[in-house]
Every structure is written in structure tokens, then in C-alpha cells.
Amino acid sequence: MSGRTKAKQNREGFGGKRETVSRIVWTVVLFAAFIAVICQLEGYRCAHTLHVERFLFETGSVTEPKRFVVVSDLHESEFGENNSDLVEKIKELEPDAILCLGDMITSSVSDEDLHIGIDLLSDLAEIAPLYMSLGNHEVVYARRNGYGVIKMIAGTGARLLECGYVDLPAGDGIIRVGGIARCVYNYQNSAKVFEESSAWAFMTKFCDTDGFKILLCHIPTDYYPLDGKSDFIDWDCDLVLSGHTHGGLWQIPGIGSPYLPKQGFFPKLDKGMKQVGNAKMIIGAGLGHEGKLFRFNDPCEIVVVDIVPKGS
């Protein structure tokens, strides 16, 4: 074989390899673009869908059914003008009371947008009695900007439950609803210090009833520690309602959320109903979808909790 023929074959071989590499690169680019488009479409769907997640509890503590609608984590998001779509959806659910788990504002919210969460609370209070516990964002905002925001929340008609509770009649029984925005176990203190704390005093008093007990606790790990250092206290609660996690934002079918800050990879307390000691815990996916709150297979969520007499 002549040198000229060999050179021609080498050029053809090199050209074929280059063409193969080019096809692979374009395939990867097109596949990545396809995935990006799918993620954008799914993110838009999750942000503009109001999913209703329902839970039913039977108990001998009530003789009359009661329905609670649970919301959390608005973070200046809107569903329709002035959240009209959200308000109408909650009206359709016909709640006996509305429970708000906090983070209806963002700690860094501008003065211009602060009204979004406040206005929604006012609208909800006109539908049904509204009970609210604070989220971490309300707490941080108040520390930075003064506690006027707490007065604004109270002025909406919402009843704030911070280390407080209310007994709601349910036929011949009661449903006790309480709220707290801090750890209910010993965290970085001696046992003696915790047992002298307001959290200990509140939880002891809150649990002292034969009624059905619902605790509003924004951060799920404030009720059930996962740090391996704190001692879990198995309080006599029936139901703990939490938010904060935004449902993990990304939900992989059959697996759940791949990661959450402070919980790590494949977190235990991301979304849905969990068993935490004696209590059931429901972690709602919340309503926030603005800014960094990009969702995948995790639509914005309203939670409905029906408490019914046993055997009904």
C-alpha cells in the first residue's frame, strides 16, 4: 500500500472519529436542552397548581366532625390577583377553622410587598376562625425590623398561638389547638434549664387534656430532632402540623426529596404524614413558589384535615 493511500485512510478515519464525537456532543446538548425545558414546564405547573392534600382522623375525643384547612409558607407568592384564586379555593373547602403555620412573609421582604401575606391573612379570617403560629421568617423579620409586624398579623383577625392554645368545641368533646415556634426538646441546654423553660411549661399544660390535640409547629425538626445530639421528648400530642420544607421542592417518585438543609440527603421529614413517637406529623408542601423556590413534582399545597368521631 502506497504512502498516499495510507494518508488518505488516516484522514478518513480521523474525520469519522470527529464526526462521531460531534454527534455525541450534539446528542448531549439536545438531551440537556430537552431536560431543561421539561424542568421549566414542570416548575411552572407546580408553581401554578393548588393541590389539595386530605387527611382523615377518627377519634373518641369528639362527637361532631370538624374540618381544618392548613396553609403555610406563602413567601409573597400569589395565585390570581390579590391571591383571589387561593381565597376562593379555600372557601370551596368549607373549613370550620383555618390553621396557618407561618412564613406567610419572607424575612427580607420589601415594604412594598409586605402587604401580600398580611392581606391574605385578612381575607382568610373572613372565611373562618383563623389560628396562626409563627414561622422562622416572621420571627427573623420581627427581630430585624421591630415587632410591629406581629401587631399587623394580629390586626388581620388571626389569633396568634405562640406558646398558647385554644379549645374548640366538637360536640361533647374538644379539639385543642396550640402553637409554638421553638424546639420542644432539650437543645444545647442542661435538662434542668429546659425543664424551667417556657417551652416546657407550655407543652406540659398543652398536653394536659383528654381532647384531641393539634400542635402547630412550623419547623418539623423543632418537634422531632434529627441531629443525633438532642433527646426527643415524646409529648402526648395527637397531631403535629408543620411546614418549612416546601415539600422538599424536588420530589423523586418512590424516593422523596433528595436533599434538605439541616436534614441532609434523603431527609426523613420532607413532606406528607410521618409517625413521630406517639404523634402523627403532617408536613405540608406550602404555597411558596417565587424566587429560589423552584419545584419539581411538588405542587403548591393546601392541606385539609378532617377530625371525625370514631366509628363514623
Foldseek 3Di string as FASTA:
>chain_A
DDPVVVVVVVVVVVVVVVVVVVVVVVVVVVVVVVVVVVLVVQLVCQQQDAAEAEDEAADQQFAAKFKEKEFEQAALRAHPDLNPVVLVVVLVVQGQEYEYQENLHALPDDPVRPVSSLSVLLSRCVRHAYEYEYEPSLVNNCVVPNPVVVVSNVVSRYHYAALHWDWDHRHPGTEIEHEHAAALFDDPDPPVVSCPDSSVVSLVVQLPDPHQYEYRYADPCSQPPDPVPTDHDQGNHAEYEYEPQLLLQEQDPPQGRQADPPQGGSRPPRAAWDDGRNYIYGYANHNYSDDPSRHGPRHHYMYMYMYHHPPD
